[in-house]
Amino acid sequence: MRSILTWQGHGWLCLPARIYLGCIFLLACVHKIAHPGSFAIDIDTYDILPIQAVNLMAITLPWVELVVGLFLLLGVATRAAAMAGAGMLVMFLAAVLVALARGMDMSCGCFASQAVANEDPISYWTILRDSAWLVTAMYIAVFDRRAIGLARLAEGLLYKPHK
């Protein structure tokens, strides 16, 4: 009997999951890259990080999201990208849980700034949504062993079996 880890269908199930999650990370980084000041305010609103770390996080995190999103979409280092995405999602979940526990009424800062808090307020639905994305990232990290994408294409072009 085949092991679930070696089932050949995972690549085809992971492909739409990677595309979906890659798009989420790309959508999430757009506003943050365009408006790092607003994103810094969003991060500071959570009141978790020391003020000295806020600007560094506001400048670097969106670019990490961009790389993760692109790698997932293109099928490059997908397991590493999925693990990085899962790490970010755990961090996001922790921040939202802390904010909810403190009774804060604010935007999550995921796709826009505090200016549109009414359109994207944190709630237990945010926890559910991010948890679903975390499960998706973990599925990709565990089961996408030979991702369908550019890395696999390059592997096929570079590897010439001996006849």
C-alpha atoms as a PDB file:
ATOM      1  CA  MET A   1       0.000   0.000   0.000  1.00  0.00           C
ATOM      2  CA  ARG A   2       1.285   3.449  -0.933  1.00  0.00           C
ATOM      3  CA  SER A   3       2.142   5.993   1.692  1.00  0.00           C
ATOM      4  CA  ILE A   4       0.164   9.204   1.705  1.00  0.00           C
ATOM      5  CA  LEU A   5       3.497  11.076   1.573  1.00  0.00           C
ATOM      6  CA  THR A   6       4.460   9.483  -1.747  1.00  0.00           C
ATOM      7  CA  TRP A   7       1.090   9.748  -3.487  1.00  0.00           C
ATOM      8  CA  GLN A   8       1.675  11.280  -6.930  1.00  0.00           C
ATOM      9  CA  GLY A   9      -1.505  13.395  -6.846  1.00  0.00           C
ATOM     10  CA  HIS A  10      -0.182  15.851  -4.268  1.00  0.00           C
ATOM     11  CA  GLY A  11       1.576  17.903  -6.945  1.00  0.00           C
ATOM     12  CA  TRP A  12      -1.711  18.480  -8.727  1.00  0.00           C
ATOM     13  CA  LEU A  13      -3.533  19.329  -5.492  1.00  0.00           C
ATOM     14  CA  CYS A  14      -0.737  21.622  -4.386  1.00  0.00           C
ATOM     15  CA  LEU A  15      -0.720  23.548  -7.660  1.00  0.00           C
ATOM     16  CA  PRO A  16      -4.047  25.379  -7.116  1.00  0.00           C
ATOM     17  CA  ALA A  17      -3.245  25.720  -3.411  1.00  0.00           C
ATOM     18  CA  ARG A  18       0.088  27.357  -4.301  1.00  0.00           C
ATOM     19  CA  ILE A  19      -1.537  29.669  -6.827  1.00  0.00           C
ATOM     20  CA  TYR A  20      -4.201  30.722  -4.309  1.00  0.00           C
ATOM     21  CA  LEU A  21      -1.776  31.251  -1.434  1.00  0.00           C
ATOM     22  CA  GLY A  22       0.773  32.951  -3.699  1.00  0.00           C
ATOM     23  CA  CYS A  23      -1.896  35.428  -4.814  1.00  0.00           C
ATOM     24  CA  ILE A  24      -2.854  36.078  -1.174  1.00  0.00           C
ATOM     25  CA  PHE A  25       0.734  36.968  -0.292  1.00  0.00           C
ATOM     26  CA  LEU A  26       1.087  39.138  -3.391  1.00  0.00           C
ATOM     27  CA  LEU A  27      -2.157  40.981  -2.649  1.00  0.00           C
ATOM     28  CA  ALA A  28      -1.081  41.445   0.949  1.00  0.00           C
ATOM     29  CA  CYS A  29       2.265  43.034   0.064  1.00  0.00           C
ATOM     30  CA  VAL A  30       1.058  45.612  -2.483  1.00  0.00           C
ATOM     31  CA  HIS A  31      -0.269  48.246  -0.068  1.00  0.00           C
ATOM     32  CA  LYS A  32       2.529  47.606   2.418  1.00  0.00           C
ATOM     33  CA  ILE A  33       5.278  48.145  -0.168  1.00  0.00           C
ATOM     34  CA  ALA A  34       3.557  51.232  -1.584  1.00  0.00           C
ATOM     35  CA  HIS A  35       2.888  52.755   1.854  1.00  0.00           C
ATOM     36  CA  PRO A  36       5.486  51.578   4.384  1.00  0.00           C
ATOM     37  CA  GLY A  37       4.644  54.452   6.732  1.00  0.00           C
ATOM     38  CA  SER A  38       1.008  53.392   6.955  1.00  0.00           C
ATOM     39  CA  PHE A  39       2.071  49.795   7.473  1.00  0.00           C
ATOM     40  CA  ALA A  40       4.424  50.871  10.277  1.00  0.00           C
ATOM     41  CA  ILE A  41       1.451  52.528  11.995  1.00  0.00           C
ATOM     42  CA  ASP A  42      -0.545  49.302  11.541  1.00  0.00           C
ATOM     43  CA  ILE A  43       2.238  47.272  13.141  1.00  0.00           C
ATOM     44  CA  ASP A  44       2.627  49.747  15.992  1.00  0.00           C
ATOM     45  CA  THR A  45      -1.127  49.678  16.652  1.00  0.00           C
ATOM     46  CA  TYR A  46      -0.802  46.048  17.768  1.00  0.00           C
ATOM     47  CA  ASP A  47       1.556  47.279  20.521  1.00  0.00           C
ATOM     48  CA  ILE A  48       3.567  44.054  20.480  1.00  0.00           C
ATOM     49  CA  LEU A  49       6.951  45.029  19.049  1.00  0.00           C
ATOM     50  CA  PRO A  50       9.356  47.517  20.588  1.00  0.00           C
ATOM     51  CA  ILE A  51       9.167  50.808  18.726  1.00  0.00           C
ATOM     52  CA  GLN A  52      12.729  50.297  17.450  1.00  0.00           C
ATOM     53  CA  ALA A  53      11.636  47.148  15.547  1.00  0.00           C
ATOM     54  CA  VAL A  54       8.496  48.579  13.951  1.00  0.00           C
ATOM     55  CA  ASN A  55      10.138  50.367  11.010  1.00  0.00           C
ATOM     56  CA  LEU A  56      12.427  47.435  10.246  1.00  0.00           C
ATOM     57  CA  MET A  57       9.428  45.099  10.200  1.00  0.00           C
ATOM     58  CA  ALA A  58       7.384  47.520   8.074  1.00  0.00           C
ATOM     59  CA  ILE A  59      10.148  47.711   5.487  1.00  0.00           C
ATOM     60  CA  THR A  60      11.210  44.043   5.326  1.00  0.00           C
ATOM     61  CA  LEU A  61       8.026  42.023   5.864  1.00  0.00           C
ATOM     62  CA  PRO A  62       6.231  43.127   2.653  1.00  0.00           C
ATOM     63  CA  TRP A  63       9.249  42.162   0.552  1.00  0.00           C
ATOM     64  CA  VAL A  64       9.352  38.739   2.192  1.00  0.00           C
ATOM     65  CA  GLU A  65       5.645  38.390   1.373  1.00  0.00           C
ATOM     66  CA  LEU A  66       6.428  39.346  -2.228  1.00  0.00           C
ATOM     67  CA  VAL A  67       9.168  36.716  -2.550  1.00  0.00           C
ATOM     68  CA  VAL A  68       7.028  34.037  -0.906  1.00  0.00           C
ATOM     69  CA  GLY A  69       4.103  34.865  -3.195  1.00  0.00           C
ATOM     70  CA  LEU A  70       6.242  34.810  -6.331  1.00  0.00           C
ATOM     71  CA  PHE A  71       7.996  31.568  -5.380  1.00  0.00           C
ATOM     72  CA  LEU A  72       4.673  29.864  -4.676  1.00  0.00           C
ATOM     73  CA  LEU A  73       3.217  31.048  -7.977  1.00  0.00           C
ATOM     74  CA  LEU A  74       6.256  30.146 -10.039  1.00  0.00           C
ATOM     75  CA  GLY A  75       6.980  26.808  -8.377  1.00  0.00           C
ATOM     76  CA  VAL A  76      10.444  27.799  -7.166  1.00  0.00           C
ATOM     77  CA  ALA A  77      11.600  26.525  -3.759  1.00  0.00           C
ATOM     78  CA  THR A  78       7.943  25.952  -2.969  1.00  0.00           C
ATOM     79  CA  ARG A  79       8.441  23.990   0.231  1.00  0.00           C
ATOM     80  CA  ALA A  80      10.740  26.676   1.649  1.00  0.00           C
ATOM     81  CA  ALA A  81       8.343  29.408   0.501  1.00  0.00           C
ATOM     82  CA  ALA A  82       5.422  27.582   2.089  1.00  0.00           C
ATOM     83  CA  MET A  83       7.338  27.233   5.366  1.00  0.00           C
ATOM     84  CA  ALA A  84       8.215  30.940   5.316  1.00  0.00           C
ATOM     85  CA  GLY A  85       4.563  31.725   4.606  1.00  0.00           C
ATOM     86  CA  ALA A  86       3.455  29.436   7.423  1.00  0.00           C
ATOM     87  CA  GLY A  87       5.859  31.209   9.774  1.00  0.00           C
ATOM     88  CA  MET A  88       4.426  34.584   8.829  1.00  0.00           C
ATOM     89  CA  LEU A  89       0.883  33.285   9.247  1.00  0.00           C
ATOM     90  CA  VAL A  90       1.684  31.993  12.746  1.00  0.00           C
ATOM     91  CA  MET A  91       3.081  35.436  13.555  1.00  0.00           C
ATOM     92  CA  PHE A  92      -0.025  37.145  12.121  1.00  0.00           C
ATOM     93  CA  LEU A  93      -2.342  34.802  14.026  1.00  0.00           C
ATOM     94  CA  ALA A  94      -0.520  35.481  17.295  1.00  0.00           C
ATOM     95  CA  ALA A  95      -0.753  39.250  16.756  1.00  0.00           C
ATOM     96  CA  VAL A  96      -4.480  39.108  15.976  1.00  0.00           C
ATOM     97  CA  LEU A  97      -5.158  36.841  18.967  1.00  0.00           C
ATOM     98  CA  VAL A  98      -3.319  39.261  21.270  1.00  0.00           C
ATOM     99  CA  ALA A  99      -5.248  42.223  19.837  1.00  0.00           C
ATOM    100  CA  LEU A 100      -8.573  40.425  20.230  1.00  0.00           C
ATOM    101  CA  ALA A 101      -7.700  39.431  23.795  1.00  0.00           C
ATOM    102  CA  ARG A 102      -6.979  43.099  24.529  1.00  0.00           C
ATOM    103  CA  GLY A 103     -10.347  44.085  23.062  1.00  0.00           C
ATOM    104  CA  MET A 104      -8.796  46.208  20.320  1.00  0.00           C
ATOM    105  CA  ASP A 105     -11.073  47.425  17.527  1.00  0.00           C
ATOM    106  CA  MET A 106      -8.772  47.771  14.540  1.00  0.00           C
ATOM    107  CA  SER A 107      -7.957  46.649  11.018  1.00  0.00           C
ATOM    108  CA  CYS A 108      -5.699  43.628  10.725  1.00  0.00           C
ATOM    109  CA  GLY A 109      -3.418  45.596   8.383  1.00  0.00           C
ATOM    110  CA  CYS A 110      -3.268  42.615   6.049  1.00  0.00           C
ATOM    111  CA  PHE A 111      -4.459  44.241   2.836  1.00  0.00           C
ATOM    112  CA  ALA A 112      -4.912  47.913   3.723  1.00  0.00           C
ATOM    113  CA  SER A 113      -4.163  50.390   6.484  1.00  0.00           C
ATOM    114  CA  GLN A 114      -6.006  51.431   9.627  1.00  0.00           C
ATOM    115  CA  ALA A 115      -7.804  54.036   7.528  1.00  0.00           C
ATOM    116  CA  VAL A 116     -10.154  51.301   6.336  1.00  0.00           C
ATOM    117  CA  ALA A 117     -10.577  49.509   9.668  1.00  0.00           C
ATOM    118  CA  ASN A 118     -14.323  49.343   9.069  1.00  0.00           C
ATOM    119  CA  GLU A 119     -13.734  47.350   5.871  1.00  0.00           C
ATOM    120  CA  ASP A 120     -11.316  44.778   7.370  1.00  0.00           C
ATOM    121  CA  PRO A 121     -11.664  44.714  11.175  1.00  0.00           C
ATOM    122  CA  ILE A 122      -9.972  41.962  13.152  1.00  0.00           C
ATOM    123  CA  SER A 123     -12.346  39.317  14.414  1.00  0.00           C
ATOM    124  CA  TYR A 124     -12.560  35.611  14.984  1.00  0.00           C
ATOM    125  CA  TRP A 125     -13.235  35.334  11.240  1.00  0.00           C
ATOM    126  CA  THR A 126      -9.726  36.736  10.728  1.00  0.00           C
ATOM    127  CA  ILE A 127      -8.420  33.907  12.916  1.00  0.00           C
ATOM    128  CA  LEU A 128     -10.401  31.342  10.928  1.00  0.00           C
ATOM    129  CA  ARG A 129      -9.244  32.773   7.583  1.00  0.00           C
ATOM    130  CA  ASP A 130      -5.577  32.922   8.579  1.00  0.00           C
ATOM    131  CA  SER A 131      -5.802  29.426  10.086  1.00  0.00           C
ATOM    132  CA  ALA A 132      -7.122  28.073   6.781  1.00  0.00           C
ATOM    133  CA  TRP A 133      -4.215  29.748   4.994  1.00  0.00           C
ATOM    134  CA  LEU A 134      -1.818  28.242   7.554  1.00  0.00           C
ATOM    135  CA  VAL A 135      -3.199  24.739   6.911  1.00  0.00           C
ATOM    136  CA  THR A 136      -2.805  25.340   3.166  1.00  0.00           C
ATOM    137  CA  ALA A 137       0.809  26.468   3.615  1.00  0.00           C
ATOM    138  CA  MET A 138       1.581  23.434   5.766  1.00  0.00           C
ATOM    139  CA  TYR A 139       0.010  21.087   3.209  1.00  0.00           C
ATOM    140  CA  ILE A 140       2.233  22.571   0.515  1.00  0.00           C
ATOM    141  CA  ALA A 141       5.317  22.389   2.750  1.00  0.00           C
ATOM    142  CA  VAL A 142       4.742  18.732   3.580  1.00  0.00           C
ATOM    143  CA  PHE A 143       3.393  17.310   0.338  1.00  0.00           C
ATOM    144  CA  ASP A 144       4.690  19.411  -2.576  1.00  0.00           C
ATOM    145  CA  ARG A 145       7.890  17.417  -2.979  1.00  0.00           C
ATOM    146  CA  ARG A 146       8.348  17.958  -6.717  1.00  0.00           C
ATOM    147  CA  ALA A 147       6.437  21.134  -7.446  1.00  0.00           C
ATOM    148  CA  ILE A 148       4.883  21.717 -10.824  1.00  0.00           C
ATOM    149  CA  GLY A 149       6.504  24.947 -11.939  1.00  0.00           C
ATOM    150  CA  LEU A 150       9.658  26.645 -13.159  1.00  0.00           C
ATOM    151  CA  ALA A 151      12.042  24.662 -10.949  1.00  0.00           C
ATOM    152  CA  ARG A 152      10.679  21.389 -12.288  1.00  0.00           C
ATOM    153  CA  LEU A 153      10.818  22.691 -15.847  1.00  0.00           C
ATOM    154  CA  ALA A 154      14.434  23.789 -15.391  1.00  0.00           C
ATOM    155  CA  GLU A 155      15.266  20.424 -13.876  1.00  0.00           C
ATOM    156  CA  GLY A 156      13.863  18.697 -16.960  1.00  0.00           C
ATOM    157  CA  LEU A 157      15.802  20.993 -19.298  1.00  0.00           C
ATOM    158  CA  LEU A 158      19.087  20.640 -17.452  1.00  0.00           C
ATOM    159  CA  TYR A 159      18.972  16.925 -16.742  1.00  0.00           C
ATOM    160  CA  LYS A 160      19.657  14.774 -19.771  1.00  0.00           C
ATOM    161  CA  PRO A 161      19.440  11.055 -19.034  1.00  0.00           C
ATOM    162  CA  HIS A 162      22.150   8.867 -20.568  1.00  0.00           C
ATOM    163  CA  LYS A 163      21.050   6.569 -23.371  1.00  0.00           C
END
